[in-house]
């Protein structure tokens, strides 16, 4: 049973990558470049430059969210909405709707960078602040889709977007701790350096 599940998961991820190459490549390139630049290659970057870079990357992420959620959709003829929670999960898992499954993953992945970008741009954003900001942004996107008839307003999308941002926030804190410890100058060396001055 486990082997069957793993085989299905691999099959789904292959299809997902083929169907969403642009989004996957954008996210991988964006996340890896940002993490390398901010936390591995130059951990002693000046605070001002770090803040400017974080705000610039946050604007790139917001532009990416706008492009992938609003940019390429056609205007419909009616206001469409789905207020049942987890309906897309039911259709995906129990109904075998692969397309909806890909939408769920897209909505999580698209907001993933937002979770760690907010930490740098807003200087140590708390769990609740990131939760509220990502939820607000998701509601704004979904409301825009509803008002301009360019998509389906879904509570599931708001949940998925927020969950993606929170996953990014968690990853930020998991990865930041070891890097911060590596870059910290031991107290003895600091005292010795001050004594020499």
N, C-alpha and C. Protein backbone atom coordinates (compact mmCIF):
# COMPACT_ATOMS: atom_id res chain seq x y z
N UNK A 1 0.83 -1.21 0.00
CA UNK A 1 0.00 0.00 0.00
C UNK A 1 0.87 1.27 0.00
N UNK A 2 1.95 1.23 0.80
CA UNK A 2 2.86 2.37 0.86
C UNK A 2 3.55 2.58 -0.48
N UNK A 3 3.96 1.48 -1.11
CA UNK A 3 4.62 1.58 -2.41
C UNK A 3 3.68 2.17 -3.46
N UNK A 4 2.41 1.78 -3.38
CA UNK A 4 1.42 2.31 -4.32
C UNK A 4 1.24 3.82 -4.12
N UNK A 5 1.20 4.24 -2.85
CA UNK A 5 1.07 5.66 -2.53
C UNK A 5 2.26 6.45 -3.04
N UNK A 6 3.48 5.92 -2.83
CA UNK A 6 4.70 6.59 -3.28
C UNK A 6 4.73 6.69 -4.81
N UNK A 7 4.31 5.60 -5.47
CA UNK A 7 4.27 5.59 -6.94
C UNK A 7 3.29 6.64 -7.46
N UNK A 8 2.13 6.76 -6.80
CA UNK A 8 1.13 7.76 -7.21
C UNK A 8 1.64 9.17 -6.96
N UNK A 9 2.33 9.37 -5.83
CA UNK A 9 2.87 10.69 -5.50
C UNK A 9 3.92 11.11 -6.52
N UNK A 10 4.79 10.17 -6.91
CA UNK A 10 5.83 10.47 -7.92
C UNK A 10 5.18 10.79 -9.27
N UNK A 11 4.18 9.98 -9.64
CA UNK A 11 3.45 10.21 -10.89
C UNK A 11 2.80 11.60 -10.88
N UNK A 12 2.19 11.97 -9.76
CA UNK A 12 1.53 13.28 -9.64
C UNK A 12 2.55 14.42 -9.74
N UNK A 13 3.69 14.28 -9.06
CA UNK A 13 4.71 15.33 -9.08
C UNK A 13 5.31 15.51 -10.48
N UNK A 14 5.46 14.41 -11.22
CA UNK A 14 5.95 14.51 -12.60
C UNK A 14 4.97 15.29 -13.47
N UNK A 15 3.69 14.95 -13.35
CA UNK A 15 2.66 15.67 -14.11
C UNK A 15 2.62 17.13 -13.69
N UNK A 16 2.71 17.36 -12.38
CA UNK A 16 2.68 18.73 -11.84
C UNK A 16 3.81 19.56 -12.44
N UNK A 17 5.02 18.98 -12.46
CA UNK A 17 6.16 19.73 -13.00
C UNK A 17 5.98 20.05 -14.47
N UNK A 18 5.51 19.07 -15.24
CA UNK A 18 5.31 19.28 -16.69
C UNK A 18 4.29 20.40 -16.93
N UNK A 19 3.21 20.39 -16.15
CA UNK A 19 2.12 21.37 -16.33
C UNK A 19 2.47 22.75 -15.79
N UNK A 20 3.37 22.82 -14.80
CA UNK A 20 3.63 24.09 -14.12
C UNK A 20 5.12 24.43 -14.08
N UNK A 21 5.82 24.15 -15.18
CA UNK A 21 7.27 24.37 -15.24
C UNK A 21 7.66 25.80 -14.91
N UNK A 22 6.94 26.77 -15.47
CA UNK A 22 7.29 28.18 -15.27
C UNK A 22 7.21 28.56 -13.79
N UNK A 23 6.13 28.17 -13.13
CA UNK A 23 5.96 28.50 -11.71
C UNK A 23 7.02 27.80 -10.85
N UNK A 24 7.25 26.52 -11.11
CA UNK A 24 8.24 25.75 -10.33
C UNK A 24 9.63 26.35 -10.51
N UNK A 25 10.01 26.66 -11.74
CA UNK A 25 11.33 27.23 -12.00
C UNK A 25 11.49 28.61 -11.36
N UNK A 26 10.43 29.43 -11.46
CA UNK A 26 10.46 30.76 -10.83
C UNK A 26 10.67 30.63 -9.32
N UNK A 27 9.90 29.76 -8.68
CA UNK A 27 9.99 29.61 -7.23
C UNK A 27 11.33 29.03 -6.79
N UNK A 28 11.80 27.99 -7.48
CA UNK A 28 13.09 27.39 -7.11
C UNK A 28 14.24 28.39 -7.27
N UNK A 29 14.27 29.07 -8.40
CA UNK A 29 15.33 30.04 -8.65
C UNK A 29 15.27 31.18 -7.64
N UNK A 30 14.07 31.67 -7.39
CA UNK A 30 13.88 32.79 -6.49
C UNK A 30 14.27 32.43 -5.05
N UNK A 31 13.77 31.29 -4.56
CA UNK A 31 14.03 30.88 -3.18
C UNK A 31 15.51 30.56 -2.97
N UNK A 32 16.10 29.77 -3.87
CA UNK A 32 17.50 29.36 -3.71
C UNK A 32 18.43 30.57 -3.80
N UNK A 33 18.21 31.45 -4.79
CA UNK A 33 19.05 32.64 -4.93
C UNK A 33 18.95 33.52 -3.70
N UNK A 34 17.74 33.72 -3.22
CA UNK A 34 17.54 34.59 -2.05
C UNK A 34 18.23 34.01 -0.81
N UNK A 35 18.04 32.72 -0.57
CA UNK A 35 18.65 32.07 0.59
C UNK A 35 20.18 32.12 0.51
N UNK A 36 20.73 31.84 -0.68
CA UNK A 36 22.19 31.87 -0.84
C UNK A 36 22.73 33.26 -0.60
N UNK A 37 22.09 34.24 -1.21
CA UNK A 37 22.58 35.61 -1.13
C UNK A 37 22.48 36.16 0.29
N UNK A 38 21.34 35.92 0.94
CA UNK A 38 21.09 36.55 2.24
C UNK A 38 21.70 35.77 3.41
N UNK A 39 21.84 34.45 3.28
CA UNK A 39 22.20 33.68 4.47
C UNK A 39 23.44 32.80 4.36
N UNK A 40 23.93 32.55 3.14
CA UNK A 40 25.12 31.70 3.04
C UNK A 40 26.31 32.46 2.46
N UNK A 41 26.12 33.12 1.34
CA UNK A 41 27.25 33.77 0.68
C UNK A 41 27.70 35.04 1.41
N UNK A 42 26.76 35.78 1.98
CA UNK A 42 27.14 37.04 2.61
C UNK A 42 26.36 37.28 3.91
N UNK A 43 26.65 36.50 4.95
CA UNK A 43 25.89 36.65 6.20
C UNK A 43 26.17 37.96 6.93
N UNK A 44 27.29 38.63 6.59
CA UNK A 44 27.60 39.90 7.26
C UNK A 44 27.23 41.11 6.40
N UNK A 45 26.26 40.93 5.54
CA UNK A 45 25.73 42.01 4.71
C UNK A 45 25.24 43.14 5.62
N UNK A 46 25.48 44.38 5.24
CA UNK A 46 25.06 45.49 6.11
C UNK A 46 23.54 45.48 6.27
N UNK A 47 23.04 45.85 7.45
CA UNK A 47 21.59 45.82 7.71
C UNK A 47 20.78 46.64 6.71
N UNK A 48 21.32 47.79 6.30
CA UNK A 48 20.58 48.66 5.36
C UNK A 48 20.45 47.97 4.00
N UNK A 49 21.57 47.42 3.51
CA UNK A 49 21.55 46.72 2.21
C UNK A 49 20.66 45.49 2.27
N UNK A 50 20.72 44.78 3.40
CA UNK A 50 19.88 43.59 3.59
C UNK A 50 18.39 43.95 3.54
N UNK A 51 18.03 45.06 4.17
CA UNK A 51 16.63 45.52 4.20
C UNK A 51 16.16 45.90 2.79
N UNK A 52 17.01 46.64 2.07
CA UNK A 52 16.68 47.06 0.70
C UNK A 52 16.48 45.84 -0.19
N UNK A 53 17.39 44.87 -0.09
CA UNK A 53 17.30 43.64 -0.88
C UNK A 53 16.03 42.86 -0.53
N UNK A 54 15.71 42.78 0.76
CA UNK A 54 14.52 42.06 1.20
C UNK A 54 13.25 42.72 0.66
N UNK A 55 13.19 44.04 0.71
CA UNK A 55 12.01 44.76 0.20
C UNK A 55 11.89 44.59 -1.31
N UNK A 56 13.03 44.66 -2.03
CA UNK A 56 13.01 44.45 -3.47
C UNK A 56 12.49 43.05 -3.81
N UNK A 57 13.00 42.03 -3.09
CA UNK A 57 12.57 40.64 -3.33
C UNK A 57 11.10 40.45 -2.97
N UNK A 58 10.64 41.14 -1.94
CA UNK A 58 9.22 41.08 -1.56
C UNK A 58 8.35 41.64 -2.68
N UNK A 59 8.79 42.73 -3.30
CA UNK A 59 8.04 43.32 -4.43
C UNK A 59 8.03 42.36 -5.63
N UNK A 60 9.16 41.68 -5.86
CA UNK A 60 9.21 40.68 -6.95
C UNK A 60 8.20 39.56 -6.66
N UNK A 61 8.16 39.10 -5.41
CA UNK A 61 7.22 38.04 -5.02
C UNK A 61 5.77 38.49 -5.20
N UNK A 62 5.46 39.72 -4.79
CA UNK A 62 4.09 40.25 -4.95
C UNK A 62 3.72 40.35 -6.42
N UNK A 63 4.68 40.77 -7.25
CA UNK A 63 4.44 40.84 -8.70
C UNK A 63 4.20 39.43 -9.25
N UNK A 64 4.96 38.45 -8.75
CA UNK A 64 4.78 37.05 -9.17
C UNK A 64 3.40 36.54 -8.79
N UNK A 65 2.96 36.86 -7.57
CA UNK A 65 1.62 36.45 -7.12
C UNK A 65 0.55 37.06 -8.02
N UNK A 66 0.70 38.36 -8.32
CA UNK A 66 -0.27 39.05 -9.19
C UNK A 66 -0.30 38.43 -10.58
N UNK A 67 0.89 38.11 -11.11
CA UNK A 67 0.97 37.54 -12.46
C UNK A 67 0.31 36.16 -12.52
N UNK A 68 0.66 35.29 -11.57
CA UNK A 68 0.16 33.91 -11.63
C UNK A 68 -1.30 33.77 -11.19
N UNK A 69 -1.83 34.75 -10.45
CA UNK A 69 -3.23 34.63 -10.00
C UNK A 69 -4.20 35.48 -10.81
N UNK A 70 -3.70 36.58 -11.37
CA UNK A 70 -4.60 37.50 -12.07
C UNK A 70 -4.20 37.76 -13.52
N UNK A 71 -2.92 37.66 -13.80
CA UNK A 71 -2.38 38.13 -15.08
C UNK A 71 -2.85 37.44 -16.33
N UNK A 72 -3.03 36.13 -16.30
CA UNK A 72 -3.29 35.40 -17.54
C UNK A 72 -4.71 34.84 -17.62
N UNK A 73 -5.59 35.28 -16.75
CA UNK A 73 -6.96 34.72 -16.74
C UNK A 73 -7.89 35.53 -17.64
N UNK A 74 -8.84 34.81 -18.24
CA UNK A 74 -9.82 35.47 -19.09
C UNK A 74 -11.01 35.93 -18.25
N UNK A 75 -11.60 37.04 -18.67
CA UNK A 75 -12.77 37.56 -17.95
C UNK A 75 -13.97 36.67 -18.25
N UNK A 76 -14.66 36.25 -17.18
CA UNK A 76 -15.83 35.39 -17.32
C UNK A 76 -17.10 36.19 -17.48
N UNK A 77 -18.21 35.50 -17.40
CA UNK A 77 -19.52 36.16 -17.59
C UNK A 77 -20.27 36.33 -16.27
N UNK A 78 -19.79 35.68 -15.21
CA UNK A 78 -20.50 35.78 -13.92
C UNK A 78 -19.52 35.75 -12.76
N UNK A 79 -20.03 36.18 -11.60
CA UNK A 79 -19.24 36.13 -10.37
C UNK A 79 -19.32 34.70 -9.83
N UNK A 80 -18.16 34.03 -9.76
CA UNK A 80 -18.14 32.63 -9.32
C UNK A 80 -17.45 32.51 -7.97
N UNK A 81 -18.03 31.66 -7.12
CA UNK A 81 -17.44 31.46 -5.80
C UNK A 81 -17.76 30.06 -5.28
N UNK A 82 -16.90 29.58 -4.36
CA UNK A 82 -17.09 28.28 -3.70
C UNK A 82 -16.74 28.47 -2.24
N UNK A 83 -17.75 28.39 -1.38
CA UNK A 83 -17.56 28.67 0.04
C UNK A 83 -17.45 27.42 0.91
N UNK A 84 -17.50 26.25 0.30
CA UNK A 84 -17.34 25.01 1.08
C UNK A 84 -15.84 24.78 1.34
N UNK A 85 -15.50 24.61 2.61
CA UNK A 85 -14.09 24.39 2.96
C UNK A 85 -13.64 22.98 2.55
N UNK A 86 -12.45 22.90 2.01
CA UNK A 86 -11.78 21.65 1.63
C UNK A 86 -12.49 20.87 0.52
N UNK A 87 -13.34 21.55 -0.25
CA UNK A 87 -14.01 20.86 -1.35
C UNK A 87 -12.98 20.41 -2.40
N UNK A 88 -11.93 21.25 -2.62
CA UNK A 88 -10.93 20.90 -3.63
C UNK A 88 -10.11 19.69 -3.19
N UNK A 89 -9.88 19.56 -1.88
CA UNK A 89 -9.16 18.39 -1.35
C UNK A 89 -9.99 17.12 -1.56
N UNK A 90 -11.28 17.24 -1.29
CA UNK A 90 -12.17 16.07 -1.47
C UNK A 90 -12.18 15.62 -2.92
N UNK A 91 -12.30 16.61 -3.83
CA UNK A 91 -12.34 16.29 -5.27
C UNK A 91 -11.01 15.70 -5.74
N UNK A 92 -9.92 16.20 -5.17
CA UNK A 92 -8.59 15.73 -5.55
C UNK A 92 -8.31 14.34 -5.00
N UNK A 93 -8.49 14.16 -3.69
CA UNK A 93 -8.10 12.91 -3.04
C UNK A 93 -9.11 11.79 -3.30
N UNK A 94 -10.40 12.11 -3.13
CA UNK A 94 -11.42 11.06 -3.26
C UNK A 94 -12.03 10.99 -4.66
N UNK A 95 -12.02 12.13 -5.37
CA UNK A 95 -12.61 12.15 -6.71
C UNK A 95 -11.60 11.94 -7.82
N UNK A 96 -10.31 11.97 -7.47
CA UNK A 96 -9.27 11.74 -8.48
C UNK A 96 -9.08 12.89 -9.44
N UNK A 97 -9.48 14.11 -9.04
CA UNK A 97 -9.34 15.28 -9.91
C UNK A 97 -7.91 15.83 -9.79
N UNK A 98 -7.05 15.43 -10.71
CA UNK A 98 -5.63 15.80 -10.69
C UNK A 98 -5.46 17.30 -10.90
N UNK A 99 -6.29 17.89 -11.73
CA UNK A 99 -6.20 19.32 -12.01
C UNK A 99 -6.40 20.15 -10.74
N UNK A 100 -7.38 19.77 -9.93
CA UNK A 100 -7.60 20.47 -8.66
C UNK A 100 -6.44 20.27 -7.70
N UNK A 101 -5.87 19.08 -7.72
CA UNK A 101 -4.69 18.80 -6.90
C UNK A 101 -3.54 19.72 -7.24
N UNK A 102 -3.34 19.96 -8.54
CA UNK A 102 -2.29 20.86 -8.98
C UNK A 102 -2.57 22.29 -8.55
N UNK A 103 -3.84 22.69 -8.57
CA UNK A 103 -4.21 24.03 -8.09
C UNK A 103 -3.92 24.19 -6.61
N UNK A 104 -4.20 23.15 -5.82
CA UNK A 104 -3.91 23.19 -4.38
C UNK A 104 -2.42 23.41 -4.16
N UNK A 105 -1.58 22.63 -4.85
CA UNK A 105 -0.13 22.75 -4.71
C UNK A 105 0.35 24.13 -5.18
N UNK A 106 -0.22 24.62 -6.29
CA UNK A 106 0.14 25.95 -6.80
C UNK A 106 -0.12 27.04 -5.77
N UNK A 107 -1.29 26.98 -5.15
CA UNK A 107 -1.68 28.01 -4.19
C UNK A 107 -0.80 27.98 -2.94
N UNK A 108 -0.34 26.80 -2.56
CA UNK A 108 0.57 26.70 -1.42
C UNK A 108 1.96 27.21 -1.82
N UNK A 109 2.46 26.73 -2.97
CA UNK A 109 3.81 27.05 -3.43
C UNK A 109 3.99 28.54 -3.73
N UNK A 110 2.97 29.16 -4.31
CA UNK A 110 3.07 30.55 -4.73
C UNK A 110 3.28 31.50 -3.55
N UNK A 111 2.68 31.20 -2.42
CA UNK A 111 2.81 32.07 -1.24
C UNK A 111 3.96 31.64 -0.32
N UNK A 112 4.62 30.54 -0.66
CA UNK A 112 5.70 30.02 0.19
C UNK A 112 6.82 31.06 0.43
N UNK A 113 7.34 31.73 -0.63
CA UNK A 113 8.41 32.70 -0.40
C UNK A 113 7.96 33.89 0.46
N UNK A 114 6.68 34.21 0.40
CA UNK A 114 6.17 35.35 1.16
C UNK A 114 6.45 35.20 2.65
N UNK A 115 6.38 33.97 3.15
CA UNK A 115 6.57 33.71 4.57
C UNK A 115 7.94 34.11 5.08
N UNK A 116 9.00 33.84 4.29
CA UNK A 116 10.32 34.22 4.80
C UNK A 116 10.72 35.62 4.34
N UNK A 117 10.16 36.11 3.24
CA UNK A 117 10.47 37.47 2.81
C UNK A 117 9.94 38.51 3.80
N UNK A 118 8.77 38.25 4.36
CA UNK A 118 8.19 39.17 5.34
C UNK A 118 9.08 39.29 6.58
N UNK A 119 9.77 38.20 6.94
CA UNK A 119 10.66 38.23 8.10
C UNK A 119 11.77 39.26 7.92
N UNK A 120 12.36 39.29 6.73
CA UNK A 120 13.45 40.23 6.48
C UNK A 120 12.94 41.64 6.20
N UNK A 121 11.87 41.73 5.41
CA UNK A 121 11.35 43.05 5.02
C UNK A 121 10.76 43.80 6.22
N UNK A 122 10.12 43.07 7.13
CA UNK A 122 9.47 43.72 8.28
C UNK A 122 10.29 43.58 9.56
N UNK A 123 11.48 43.04 9.47
CA UNK A 123 12.38 42.87 10.61
C UNK A 123 11.73 42.00 11.69
N UNK A 124 11.93 40.71 11.59
CA UNK A 124 11.45 39.71 12.54
C UNK A 124 9.93 39.73 12.70
N UNK A 125 9.23 39.47 11.61
CA UNK A 125 7.76 39.40 11.66
C UNK A 125 7.35 38.17 12.47
N UNK A 126 6.42 38.35 13.38
CA UNK A 126 5.97 37.24 14.22
C UNK A 126 5.08 36.29 13.43
N UNK A 127 4.87 35.12 14.00
CA UNK A 127 3.99 34.11 13.40
C UNK A 127 2.64 34.72 13.06
N UNK A 128 2.05 35.44 14.02
CA UNK A 128 0.70 35.99 13.84
C UNK A 128 0.67 37.11 12.81
N UNK A 129 1.74 37.90 12.76
CA UNK A 129 1.80 38.98 11.77
C UNK A 129 1.85 38.41 10.35
N UNK A 130 2.68 37.40 10.16
CA UNK A 130 2.78 36.75 8.83
C UNK A 130 1.46 36.08 8.49
N UNK A 131 0.85 35.43 9.47
CA UNK A 131 -0.45 34.78 9.25
C UNK A 131 -1.49 35.78 8.77
N UNK A 132 -1.60 36.91 9.48
CA UNK A 132 -2.62 37.91 9.15
C UNK A 132 -2.32 38.59 7.80
N UNK A 133 -1.06 38.93 7.55
CA UNK A 133 -0.71 39.60 6.29
C UNK A 133 -0.93 38.70 5.08
N UNK A 134 -0.52 37.44 5.20
CA UNK A 134 -0.70 36.51 4.07
C UNK A 134 -2.18 36.22 3.83
N UNK A 135 -2.95 36.12 4.92
CA UNK A 135 -4.39 35.90 4.77
C UNK A 135 -5.06 37.12 4.13
N UNK A 136 -4.65 38.31 4.56
CA UNK A 136 -5.21 39.54 3.99
C UNK A 136 -4.89 39.63 2.49
N UNK A 137 -3.64 39.33 2.12
CA UNK A 137 -3.25 39.38 0.71
C UNK A 137 -4.04 38.36 -0.11
N UNK A 138 -4.21 37.17 0.43
CA UNK A 138 -4.96 36.13 -0.27
C UNK A 138 -6.43 36.53 -0.45
N UNK A 139 -7.02 37.11 0.58
CA UNK A 139 -8.41 37.58 0.48
C UNK A 139 -8.51 38.67 -0.58
N UNK A 140 -7.51 39.57 -0.63
CA UNK A 140 -7.50 40.64 -1.64
C UNK A 140 -7.45 40.05 -3.06
N UNK A 141 -6.61 39.03 -3.25
CA UNK A 141 -6.49 38.38 -4.57
C UNK A 141 -7.81 37.71 -4.95
N UNK A 142 -8.35 36.94 -4.01
CA UNK A 142 -9.61 36.22 -4.28
C UNK A 142 -10.76 37.19 -4.53
N UNK A 143 -10.80 38.28 -3.79
CA UNK A 143 -11.86 39.29 -3.97
C UNK A 143 -11.74 39.97 -5.33
N UNK A 144 -10.51 40.22 -5.76
CA UNK A 144 -10.28 40.81 -7.08
C UNK A 144 -10.78 39.87 -8.17
N UNK A 145 -10.50 38.58 -8.00
CA UNK A 145 -10.99 37.58 -8.97
C UNK A 145 -12.52 37.58 -9.02
N UNK A 146 -13.15 37.69 -7.86
CA UNK A 146 -14.61 37.68 -7.79
C UNK A 146 -15.21 38.92 -8.43
N UNK A 147 -14.68 40.09 -8.07
CA UNK A 147 -15.24 41.36 -8.57
C UNK A 147 -15.08 41.48 -10.08
N UNK A 148 -13.90 41.12 -10.59
CA UNK A 148 -13.64 41.28 -12.02
C UNK A 148 -13.96 40.03 -12.85
N UNK A 149 -14.57 39.03 -12.19
CA UNK A 149 -15.02 37.80 -12.88
C UNK A 149 -13.89 37.09 -13.61
N UNK A 150 -12.72 37.03 -12.97
CA UNK A 150 -11.58 36.39 -13.64
C UNK A 150 -11.13 35.11 -12.94
N UNK A 151 -11.99 34.53 -12.18
CA UNK A 151 -11.63 33.29 -11.51
C UNK A 151 -12.70 32.89 -10.53
N UNK A 152 -12.35 31.94 -9.70
CA UNK A 152 -13.28 31.41 -8.71
C UNK A 152 -12.82 31.83 -7.32
N UNK A 153 -13.68 32.56 -6.61
CA UNK A 153 -13.38 32.92 -5.22
C UNK A 153 -13.56 31.66 -4.38
N UNK A 154 -12.48 31.24 -3.70
CA UNK A 154 -12.54 30.00 -2.91
C UNK A 154 -11.96 30.20 -1.53
N UNK A 155 -12.62 29.68 -0.53
CA UNK A 155 -12.06 29.68 0.82
C UNK A 155 -10.85 28.75 0.87
N UNK A 156 -10.89 27.69 0.07
CA UNK A 156 -9.75 26.76 0.00
C UNK A 156 -8.48 27.48 -0.44
N UNK A 157 -8.60 28.38 -1.41
CA UNK A 157 -7.42 29.11 -1.90
C UNK A 157 -6.84 29.99 -0.80
N UNK A 158 -7.71 30.63 -0.04
CA UNK A 158 -7.25 31.49 1.08
C UNK A 158 -6.51 30.62 2.09
N UNK A 159 -7.07 29.46 2.40
CA UNK A 159 -6.43 28.53 3.34
C UNK A 159 -5.07 28.08 2.80
N UNK A 160 -5.03 27.68 1.53
CA UNK A 160 -3.79 27.17 0.92
C UNK A 160 -2.70 28.25 0.84
N UNK A 161 -3.09 29.45 0.43
CA UNK A 161 -2.13 30.56 0.36
C UNK A 161 -1.53 30.84 1.74
N UNK A 162 -2.40 30.91 2.74
CA UNK A 162 -1.93 31.21 4.10
C UNK A 162 -1.03 30.09 4.61
N UNK A 163 -1.41 28.84 4.33
CA UNK A 163 -0.60 27.70 4.74
C UNK A 163 0.78 27.74 4.06
N UNK A 164 0.82 28.13 2.80
CA UNK A 164 2.09 28.25 2.08
C UNK A 164 3.00 29.29 2.71
N UNK A 165 2.43 30.45 3.05
CA UNK A 165 3.22 31.51 3.69
C UNK A 165 3.74 31.06 5.05
N UNK A 166 2.91 30.35 5.80
CA UNK A 166 3.33 29.88 7.13
C UNK A 166 4.43 28.81 7.02
N UNK A 167 4.36 28.00 5.97
CA UNK A 167 5.42 27.00 5.73
C UNK A 167 6.73 27.73 5.42
N UNK A 168 6.67 28.83 4.66
CA UNK A 168 7.85 29.64 4.38
C UNK A 168 8.41 30.27 5.64
N UNK A 169 7.53 30.75 6.52
CA UNK A 169 7.95 31.35 7.80
C UNK A 169 8.68 30.31 8.65
N UNK A 170 8.13 29.09 8.70
CA UNK A 170 8.76 28.01 9.48
C UNK A 170 10.14 27.66 8.91
N UNK A 171 10.24 27.53 7.59
CA UNK A 171 11.51 27.20 6.96
C UNK A 171 12.55 28.28 7.25
N UNK A 172 12.12 29.54 7.20
CA UNK A 172 13.01 30.66 7.50
C UNK A 172 13.65 30.48 8.87
N UNK A 173 12.85 30.14 9.86
CA UNK A 173 13.36 30.01 11.23
C UNK A 173 14.20 28.74 11.42
N UNK A 174 13.86 27.68 10.69
CA UNK A 174 14.64 26.44 10.76
C UNK A 174 16.03 26.65 10.16
N UNK A 175 16.10 27.29 8.99
CA UNK A 175 17.37 27.50 8.29
C UNK A 175 18.20 28.62 8.91
N UNK A 176 17.54 29.58 9.50
CA UNK A 176 18.26 30.75 10.01
C UNK A 176 19.09 30.43 11.25
N UNK A 177 18.60 29.53 12.10
CA UNK A 177 19.30 29.23 13.36
C UNK A 177 20.71 28.70 13.14
N UNK A 178 20.92 27.63 12.31
CA UNK A 178 22.29 27.15 12.13
C UNK A 178 23.20 28.18 11.47
N UNK A 179 22.64 28.97 10.52
CA UNK A 179 23.45 29.98 9.84
C UNK A 179 23.86 31.07 10.81
N UNK A 180 22.93 31.49 11.66
CA UNK A 180 23.22 32.53 12.65
C UNK A 180 24.30 32.05 13.62
N UNK A 181 24.23 30.77 14.01
CA UNK A 181 25.23 30.21 14.93
C UNK A 181 26.61 30.15 14.28
N UNK A 182 26.64 29.83 12.98
CA UNK A 182 27.92 29.76 12.26
C UNK A 182 28.57 31.13 12.15
N UNK A 183 27.74 32.15 11.98
CA UNK A 183 28.26 33.51 11.73
C UNK A 183 28.55 34.26 13.01
N UNK A 184 28.12 33.75 14.14
CA UNK A 184 28.32 34.43 15.40
C UNK A 184 29.80 34.36 15.80
N UNK A 185 30.38 35.50 16.16
CA UNK A 185 31.77 35.55 16.60
C UNK A 185 31.82 35.17 18.07
N UNK A 186 32.65 34.19 18.47
CA UNK A 186 32.72 33.80 19.87
C UNK A 186 33.09 34.97 20.77
N UNK A 187 32.59 34.95 22.02
CA UNK A 187 32.80 36.07 22.95
C UNK A 187 34.29 36.31 23.22
N UNK A 188 35.07 35.23 23.37
CA UNK A 188 36.50 35.38 23.65
C UNK A 188 37.20 36.16 22.56
N UNK A 189 36.91 35.79 21.29
CA UNK A 189 37.54 36.46 20.17
C UNK A 189 37.14 37.92 20.10
N UNK A 190 35.86 38.21 20.44
CA UNK A 190 35.41 39.58 20.43
C UNK A 190 36.15 40.42 21.47
N UNK A 191 36.33 39.86 22.67
CA UNK A 191 37.04 40.58 23.74
C UNK A 191 38.49 40.84 23.33
N UNK A 192 39.11 39.80 22.72
CA UNK A 192 40.50 39.92 22.29
C UNK A 192 40.66 41.02 21.23
N UNK A 193 39.68 41.06 20.30
CA UNK A 193 39.72 42.06 19.24
C UNK A 193 39.56 43.46 19.83
N UNK A 194 38.67 43.61 20.82
CA UNK A 194 38.46 44.92 21.45
C UNK A 194 39.72 45.34 22.21
N UNK A 195 40.38 44.38 22.90
CA UNK A 195 41.58 44.68 23.67
C UNK A 195 42.70 45.18 22.77
N UNK A 196 42.79 44.59 21.56
CA UNK A 196 43.83 45.01 20.63
C UNK A 196 43.60 46.41 20.11
N UNK A 197 42.34 46.82 20.01
CA UNK A 197 42.03 48.19 19.55
C UNK A 197 42.44 49.18 20.62
